[in-house]
Amino acid sequence: MDSECIGLYEEGIKYLEKREFEKAIKLFKQCVEKCPDNSHGWCALGVTLLRRADQDWDNALFALEIAVEKDPANFYAWVSRGEILGRKGAYLAALYSFEKGIALTEEIVDNDVAARKMYIEAQNGKAWVLIDGFNEFDKALECCEEVLRLDENNPLAIQNKEVALRRKALGHPNLVRGILECPFCKATLYEMSNYCPNCGNKLARQFPPRME
């Protein structure tokens, strides 16, 4: 990213922090037009569109998809992408995004403030998706406990935990829709994967197709 792009990006961030979304969007658009391979510019544009009052989810998602394509290690983009997909009801894709965000930040939460913040957001997002999309209350509670380990007063984790416990007590069944476990490393798999993305082992097609 050249000096002009850096200037546009940094100025846009200032407006975003002040919630002056239209000014921020204009600057981020100029940034990505000048530097189309700049993942951070695309991510900032997507986040700003998401936070704007009209919640332009489709264009926000479009920008975030470009951000993760340009830099697959951009954990800001993965977590924000998960938030949009969850709101749109695309729970499986949202879960994947949150888990990507967790995987990219979990090793550096103790020495990187930004990574710690996004790790917590990803765990909270994962808990919400597991509750709302899959009725997987025990797994959601594990996410809540991890957040509370890092931030004992985190309001969203406390809320998610209360919801998960209440719905579990009501007897909602645990439904796993499209989520499978790798028989080698127990990682979560999606959409009948041929290879485990975690350990790389080839998987036997031992499960029946998922019924909609």
C-alpha atoms as a PDB file:
ATOM      1  CA  MET A   1       0.000   0.000   0.000  1.00  0.00           C
ATOM      2  CA  ASP A   2       1.592   3.280  -1.101  1.00  0.00           C
ATOM      3  CA  SER A   3       1.665   6.452   0.963  1.00  0.00           C
ATOM      4  CA  GLU A   4      -1.456   7.900  -0.647  1.00  0.00           C
ATOM      5  CA  CYS A   5      -3.447   4.740   0.084  1.00  0.00           C
ATOM      6  CA  ILE A   6      -2.175   4.708   3.659  1.00  0.00           C
ATOM      7  CA  GLY A   7      -3.311   8.302   4.067  1.00  0.00           C
ATOM      8  CA  LEU A   8      -6.787   7.556   2.685  1.00  0.00           C
ATOM      9  CA  TYR A   9      -7.109   4.483   4.879  1.00  0.00           C
ATOM     10  CA  GLU A  10      -5.980   6.208   8.077  1.00  0.00           C
ATOM     11  CA  GLU A  11      -8.273   9.184   7.452  1.00  0.00           C
ATOM     12  CA  GLY A  12     -11.166   6.821   6.789  1.00  0.00           C
ATOM     13  CA  ILE A  13     -10.514   5.020  10.066  1.00  0.00           C
ATOM     14  CA  LYS A  14     -10.759   8.328  11.918  1.00  0.00           C
ATOM     15  CA  TYR A  15     -14.167   9.010  10.402  1.00  0.00           C
ATOM     16  CA  LEU A  16     -15.279   5.439  11.096  1.00  0.00           C
ATOM     17  CA  GLU A  17     -14.340   5.808  14.763  1.00  0.00           C
ATOM     18  CA  LYS A  18     -16.398   9.015  14.872  1.00  0.00           C
ATOM     19  CA  ARG A  19     -19.288   7.159  13.171  1.00  0.00           C
ATOM     20  CA  GLU A  20     -19.200   9.536  10.212  1.00  0.00           C
ATOM     21  CA  PHE A  21     -19.884   6.650   7.881  1.00  0.00           C
ATOM     22  CA  GLU A  22     -20.447   8.425   4.576  1.00  0.00           C
ATOM     23  CA  LYS A  23     -17.109  10.243   4.800  1.00  0.00           C
ATOM     24  CA  ALA A  24     -15.388   7.001   5.767  1.00  0.00           C
ATOM     25  CA  ILE A  25     -16.986   5.083   2.889  1.00  0.00           C
ATOM     26  CA  LYS A  26     -15.874   7.718   0.377  1.00  0.00           C
ATOM     27  CA  LEU A  27     -12.283   7.499   1.572  1.00  0.00           C
ATOM     28  CA  PHE A  28     -12.201   3.685   1.696  1.00  0.00           C
ATOM     29  CA  LYS A  29     -13.618   3.519  -1.831  1.00  0.00           C
ATOM     30  CA  GLN A  30     -10.854   5.831  -3.015  1.00  0.00           C
ATOM     31  CA  CYS A  31      -8.343   3.639  -1.194  1.00  0.00           C
ATOM     32  CA  VAL A  32      -9.428   0.376  -2.864  1.00  0.00           C
ATOM     33  CA  GLU A  33      -9.787   2.040  -6.264  1.00  0.00           C
ATOM     34  CA  LYS A  34      -6.157   3.165  -6.049  1.00  0.00           C
ATOM     35  CA  CYS A  35      -4.898  -0.028  -4.355  1.00  0.00           C
ATOM     36  CA  PRO A  36      -7.303  -2.831  -5.349  1.00  0.00           C
ATOM     37  CA  ASP A  37      -5.134  -5.523  -3.716  1.00  0.00           C
ATOM     38  CA  ASN A  38      -5.281  -3.831  -0.317  1.00  0.00           C
ATOM     39  CA  SER A  39      -7.154  -6.255   1.930  1.00  0.00           C
ATOM     40  CA  HIS A  40      -7.356  -3.800   4.833  1.00  0.00           C
ATOM     41  CA  GLY A  41      -9.047  -1.182   2.673  1.00  0.00           C
ATOM     42  CA  TRP A  42     -11.672  -3.656   1.481  1.00  0.00           C
ATOM     43  CA  CYS A  43     -12.194  -4.866   5.036  1.00  0.00           C
ATOM     44  CA  ALA A  44     -12.659  -1.323   6.356  1.00  0.00           C
ATOM     45  CA  LEU A  45     -15.130  -0.581   3.565  1.00  0.00           C
ATOM     46  CA  GLY A  46     -17.123  -3.712   4.399  1.00  0.00           C
ATOM     47  CA  VAL A  47     -17.176  -2.983   8.125  1.00  0.00           C
ATOM     48  CA  THR A  48     -18.294   0.615   7.512  1.00  0.00           C
ATOM     49  CA  LEU A  49     -21.133  -0.500   5.232  1.00  0.00           C
ATOM     50  CA  LEU A  50     -22.158  -3.007   7.914  1.00  0.00           C
ATOM     51  CA  ARG A  51     -22.180  -0.381  10.669  1.00  0.00           C
ATOM     52  CA  ARG A  52     -24.033   2.255   8.628  1.00  0.00           C
ATOM     53  CA  ALA A  53     -27.673   2.741   9.614  1.00  0.00           C
ATOM     54  CA  ASP A  54     -29.099   1.054   6.506  1.00  0.00           C
ATOM     55  CA  GLN A  55     -26.875  -2.001   7.118  1.00  0.00           C
ATOM     56  CA  ASP A  56     -25.970  -2.592   3.489  1.00  0.00           C
ATOM     57  CA  TRP A  57     -25.220  -6.272   4.068  1.00  0.00           C
ATOM     58  CA  ASP A  58     -24.840  -7.346   0.450  1.00  0.00           C
ATOM     59  CA  ASN A  59     -22.273  -4.717  -0.486  1.00  0.00           C
ATOM     60  CA  ALA A  60     -20.555  -5.124   2.881  1.00  0.00           C
ATOM     61  CA  LEU A  61     -20.267  -8.868   2.289  1.00  0.00           C
ATOM     62  CA  PHE A  62     -18.969  -8.252  -1.235  1.00  0.00           C
ATOM     63  CA  ALA A  63     -16.167  -6.060   0.141  1.00  0.00           C
ATOM     64  CA  LEU A  64     -15.295  -8.548   2.872  1.00  0.00           C
ATOM     65  CA  GLU A  65     -15.176 -11.433   0.394  1.00  0.00           C
ATOM     66  CA  ILE A  66     -12.575  -9.478  -1.565  1.00  0.00           C
ATOM     67  CA  ALA A  67     -10.695  -8.729   1.669  1.00  0.00           C
ATOM     68  CA  VAL A  68     -10.288 -12.410   2.581  1.00  0.00           C
ATOM     69  CA  GLU A  69      -9.444 -13.286  -1.013  1.00  0.00           C
ATOM     70  CA  LYS A  70      -6.649 -10.699  -1.048  1.00  0.00           C
ATOM     71  CA  ASP A  71      -5.383 -11.733   2.398  1.00  0.00           C
ATOM     72  CA  PRO A  72      -6.681 -15.027   3.876  1.00  0.00           C
ATOM     73  CA  ALA A  73      -5.005 -14.111   7.184  1.00  0.00           C
ATOM     74  CA  ASN A  74      -7.133 -10.975   7.648  1.00  0.00           C
ATOM     75  CA  PHE A  75      -8.968 -11.988  10.819  1.00  0.00           C
ATOM     76  CA  TYR A  76     -10.911  -8.706  10.971  1.00  0.00           C
ATOM     77  CA  ALA A  77     -12.507  -9.582   7.636  1.00  0.00           C
ATOM     78  CA  TRP A  78     -13.293 -13.189   8.576  1.00  0.00           C
ATOM     79  CA  VAL A  79     -15.049 -12.194  11.802  1.00  0.00           C
ATOM     80  CA  SER A  80     -17.030  -9.383  10.164  1.00  0.00           C
ATOM     81  CA  ARG A  81     -17.954 -11.739   7.309  1.00  0.00           C
ATOM     82  CA  GLY A  82     -19.270 -14.198   9.895  1.00  0.00           C
ATOM     83  CA  GLU A  83     -21.419 -11.512  11.489  1.00  0.00           C
ATOM     84  CA  ILE A  84     -23.102 -10.655   8.190  1.00  0.00           C
ATOM     85  CA  LEU A  85     -23.654 -14.271   7.175  1.00  0.00           C
ATOM     86  CA  GLY A  86     -25.139 -15.041  10.579  1.00  0.00           C
ATOM     87  CA  ARG A  87     -27.546 -12.133  10.290  1.00  0.00           C
ATOM     88  CA  LYS A  88     -28.539 -13.354   6.837  1.00  0.00           C
ATOM     89  CA  GLY A  89     -29.255 -16.823   8.245  1.00  0.00           C
ATOM     90  CA  ALA A  90     -26.352 -18.508   6.414  1.00  0.00           C
ATOM     91  CA  TYR A  91     -25.338 -20.242   9.614  1.00  0.00           C
ATOM     92  CA  LEU A  92     -22.946 -22.842   8.235  1.00  0.00           C
ATOM     93  CA  ALA A  93     -20.938 -20.257   6.310  1.00  0.00           C
ATOM     94  CA  ALA A  94     -21.020 -17.925   9.309  1.00  0.00           C
ATOM     95  CA  LEU A  95     -19.701 -20.663  11.575  1.00  0.00           C
ATOM     96  CA  TYR A  96     -16.840 -21.302   9.166  1.00  0.00           C
ATOM     97  CA  SER A  97     -15.929 -17.608   9.163  1.00  0.00           C
ATOM     98  CA  PHE A  98     -15.951 -17.332  12.941  1.00  0.00           C
ATOM     99  CA  GLU A  99     -13.798 -20.434  13.267  1.00  0.00           C
ATOM    100  CA  LYS A 100     -11.333 -19.006  10.737  1.00  0.00           C
ATOM    101  CA  GLY A 101     -11.179 -15.866  12.865  1.00  0.00           C
ATOM    102  CA  ILE A 102     -10.560 -17.934  15.982  1.00  0.00           C
ATOM    103  CA  ALA A 103      -7.856 -20.026  14.326  1.00  0.00           C
ATOM    104  CA  LEU A 104      -6.026 -16.893  13.161  1.00  0.00           C
ATOM    105  CA  THR A 105      -6.042 -15.207  16.568  1.00  0.00           C
ATOM    106  CA  GLU A 106      -6.028 -17.863  19.285  1.00  0.00           C
ATOM    107  CA  GLU A 107      -2.222 -18.140  19.449  1.00  0.00           C
ATOM    108  CA  ILE A 108      -1.654 -14.403  19.849  1.00  0.00           C
ATOM    109  CA  VAL A 109      -4.436 -13.291  22.201  1.00  0.00           C
ATOM    110  CA  ASP A 110      -1.976 -12.742  25.043  1.00  0.00           C
ATOM    111  CA  ASN A 111       0.298 -10.309  23.231  1.00  0.00           C
ATOM    112  CA  ASP A 112      -1.855  -8.630  20.570  1.00  0.00           C
ATOM    113  CA  VAL A 113      -4.683  -6.374  21.732  1.00  0.00           C
ATOM    114  CA  ALA A 114      -6.404  -6.287  18.331  1.00  0.00           C
ATOM    115  CA  ALA A 115      -6.250 -10.070  17.964  1.00  0.00           C
ATOM    116  CA  ARG A 116      -7.635 -10.525  21.475  1.00  0.00           C
ATOM    117  CA  LYS A 117     -10.594  -8.262  20.674  1.00  0.00           C
ATOM    118  CA  MET A 118     -11.404 -10.112  17.459  1.00  0.00           C
ATOM    119  CA  TYR A 119     -10.898 -13.513  19.116  1.00  0.00           C
ATOM    120  CA  ILE A 120     -13.536 -12.569  21.677  1.00  0.00           C
ATOM    121  CA  GLU A 121     -15.871 -11.299  18.945  1.00  0.00           C
ATOM    122  CA  ALA A 122     -15.387 -14.525  16.995  1.00  0.00           C
ATOM    123  CA  GLN A 123     -16.103 -16.716  20.026  1.00  0.00           C
ATOM    124  CA  ASN A 124     -19.233 -14.694  20.811  1.00  0.00           C
ATOM    125  CA  GLY A 125     -20.329 -14.915  17.192  1.00  0.00           C
ATOM    126  CA  LYS A 126     -19.716 -18.650  17.106  1.00  0.00           C
ATOM    127  CA  ALA A 127     -21.763 -19.104  20.297  1.00  0.00           C
ATOM    128  CA  TRP A 128     -24.656 -17.126  18.839  1.00  0.00           C
ATOM    129  CA  VAL A 129     -24.630 -19.145  15.593  1.00  0.00           C
ATOM    130  CA  LEU A 130     -24.440 -22.460  17.467  1.00  0.00           C
ATOM    131  CA  ILE A 131     -27.447 -21.440  19.570  1.00  0.00           C
ATOM    132  CA  ASP A 132     -29.586 -19.841  16.903  1.00  0.00           C
ATOM    133  CA  GLY A 133     -28.640 -21.949  13.922  1.00  0.00           C
ATOM    134  CA  PHE A 134     -27.901 -25.398  15.304  1.00  0.00           C
ATOM    135  CA  ASN A 135     -29.311 -25.732  18.855  1.00  0.00           C
ATOM    136  CA  GLU A 136     -25.788 -26.807  19.865  1.00  0.00           C
ATOM    137  CA  PHE A 137     -25.996 -25.453  23.399  1.00  0.00           C
ATOM    138  CA  ASP A 138     -23.086 -27.310  24.987  1.00  0.00           C
ATOM    139  CA  LYS A 139     -20.665 -26.174  22.281  1.00  0.00           C
ATOM    140  CA  ALA A 140     -22.026 -22.644  22.579  1.00  0.00           C
ATOM    141  CA  LEU A 141     -21.425 -22.721  26.323  1.00  0.00           C
ATOM    142  CA  GLU A 142     -17.804 -23.695  25.706  1.00  0.00           C
ATOM    143  CA  CYS A 143     -17.415 -20.542  23.597  1.00  0.00           C
ATOM    144  CA  CYS A 144     -19.015 -18.430  26.318  1.00  0.00           C
ATOM    145  CA  GLU A 145     -16.716 -19.832  28.980  1.00  0.00           C
ATOM    146  CA  GLU A 146     -13.676 -19.114  26.824  1.00  0.00           C
ATOM    147  CA  VAL A 147     -14.731 -15.485  26.449  1.00  0.00           C
ATOM    148  CA  LEU A 148     -15.453 -15.159  30.173  1.00  0.00           C
ATOM    149  CA  ARG A 149     -12.027 -16.601  30.909  1.00  0.00           C
ATOM    150  CA  LEU A 150     -10.549 -13.614  29.118  1.00  0.00           C
ATOM    151  CA  ASP A 151     -13.173 -11.050  30.084  1.00  0.00           C
ATOM    152  CA  GLU A 152     -15.274 -12.115  33.060  1.00  0.00           C
ATOM    153  CA  ASN A 153     -17.787  -9.291  32.600  1.00  0.00           C
ATOM    154  CA  ASN A 154     -18.248  -9.552  28.840  1.00  0.00           C
ATOM    155  CA  PRO A 155     -21.953  -8.708  28.406  1.00  0.00           C
ATOM    156  CA  LEU A 156     -22.498 -10.615  25.167  1.00  0.00           C
ATOM    157  CA  ALA A 157     -20.932 -13.802  26.532  1.00  0.00           C
ATOM    158  CA  ILE A 158     -23.076 -13.516  29.666  1.00  0.00           C
ATOM    159  CA  GLN A 159     -26.179 -13.046  27.523  1.00  0.00           C
ATOM    160  CA  ASN A 160     -25.312 -15.933  25.205  1.00  0.00           C
ATOM    161  CA  LYS A 161     -24.649 -18.172  28.190  1.00  0.00           C
ATOM    162  CA  GLU A 162     -28.016 -17.335  29.746  1.00  0.00           C
ATOM    163  CA  VAL A 163     -29.837 -18.011  26.466  1.00  0.00           C
ATOM    164  CA  ALA A 164     -28.019 -21.315  25.910  1.00  0.00           C
ATOM    165  CA  LEU A 165     -28.753 -22.534  29.433  1.00  0.00           C
ATOM    166  CA  ARG A 166     -32.395 -21.483  29.224  1.00  0.00           C
ATOM    167  CA  ARG A 167     -33.004 -23.135  25.865  1.00  0.00           C
ATOM    168  CA  LYS A 168     -31.121 -26.258  26.924  1.00  0.00           C
ATOM    169  CA  ALA A 169     -33.320 -26.491  30.028  1.00  0.00           C
ATOM    170  CA  LEU A 170     -36.421 -26.292  27.831  1.00  0.00           C
ATOM    171  CA  GLY A 171     -35.332 -29.503  26.171  1.00  0.00           C
ATOM    172  CA  HIS A 172     -34.465 -28.295  22.698  1.00  0.00           C
ATOM    173  CA  PRO A 173     -32.630 -31.114  20.930  1.00  0.00           C
ATOM    174  CA  ASN A 174     -29.062 -30.773  19.752  1.00  0.00           C
ATOM    175  CA  LEU A 175     -29.317 -30.706  15.987  1.00  0.00           C
ATOM    176  CA  VAL A 176     -26.230 -30.927  13.837  1.00  0.00           C
ATOM    177  CA  ARG A 177     -27.081 -29.702  10.342  1.00  0.00           C
ATOM    178  CA  GLY A 178     -24.129 -30.277   8.078  1.00  0.00           C
ATOM    179  CA  ILE A 179     -21.492 -30.263  10.814  1.00  0.00           C
ATOM    180  CA  LEU A 180     -19.276 -33.343  10.989  1.00  0.00           C
ATOM    181  CA  GLU A 181     -16.072 -34.197  12.847  1.00  0.00           C
ATOM    182  CA  CYS A 182     -12.813 -35.378  11.334  1.00  0.00           C
ATOM    183  CA  PRO A 183     -12.222 -38.965  12.529  1.00  0.00           C
ATOM    184  CA  PHE A 184      -8.485 -38.246  12.808  1.00  0.00           C
ATOM    185  CA  CYS A 185      -8.243 -34.925  14.661  1.00  0.00           C
ATOM    186  CA  LYS A 186     -11.879 -34.129  15.597  1.00  0.00           C
ATOM    187  CA  ALA A 187     -11.817 -30.813  13.730  1.00  0.00           C
ATOM    188  CA  THR A 188     -15.114 -29.448  12.434  1.00  0.00           C
ATOM    189  CA  LEU A 189     -15.862 -30.255   8.782  1.00  0.00           C
ATOM    190  CA  TYR A 190     -18.301 -28.653   6.364  1.00  0.00           C
ATOM    191  CA  GLU A 191     -20.273 -29.674   3.296  1.00  0.00           C
ATOM    192  CA  MET A 192     -18.889 -33.201   3.020  1.00  0.00           C
ATOM    193  CA  SER A 193     -15.233 -32.197   2.776  1.00  0.00           C
ATOM    194  CA  ASN A 194     -12.884 -34.546   0.895  1.00  0.00           C
ATOM    195  CA  TYR A 195      -9.890 -33.531   3.015  1.00  0.00           C
ATOM    196  CA  CYS A 196      -9.702 -32.223   6.560  1.00  0.00           C
ATOM    197  CA  PRO A 197      -8.631 -28.549   6.487  1.00  0.00           C
ATOM    198  CA  ASN A 198      -6.918 -29.015   9.874  1.00  0.00           C
ATOM    199  CA  CYS A 199      -4.857 -32.236   9.603  1.00  0.00           C
ATOM    200  CA  GLY A 200      -4.999 -32.754   5.821  1.00  0.00           C
ATOM    201  CA  ASN A 201      -6.094 -36.396   5.943  1.00  0.00           C
ATOM    202  CA  LYS A 202      -8.291 -37.706   3.139  1.00  0.00           C
ATOM    203  CA  LEU A 203     -11.776 -38.481   4.411  1.00  0.00           C
ATOM    204  CA  ALA A 204     -13.911 -41.496   3.656  1.00  0.00           C
ATOM    205  CA  ARG A 205     -17.341 -40.610   2.284  1.00  0.00           C
ATOM    206  CA  GLN A 206     -18.936 -42.470   5.147  1.00  0.00           C
ATOM    207  CA  PHE A 207     -21.804 -40.110   5.897  1.00  0.00           C
ATOM    208  CA  PRO A 208     -25.106 -39.916   4.023  1.00  0.00           C
ATOM    209  CA  PRO A 209     -25.859 -36.706   2.112  1.00  0.00           C
ATOM    210  CA  ARG A 210     -27.302 -33.925   4.219  1.00  0.00           C
ATOM    211  CA  MET A 211     -31.048 -33.637   3.779  1.00  0.00           C
ATOM    212  CA  GLU A 212     -32.545 -30.146   3.548  1.00  0.00           C
END
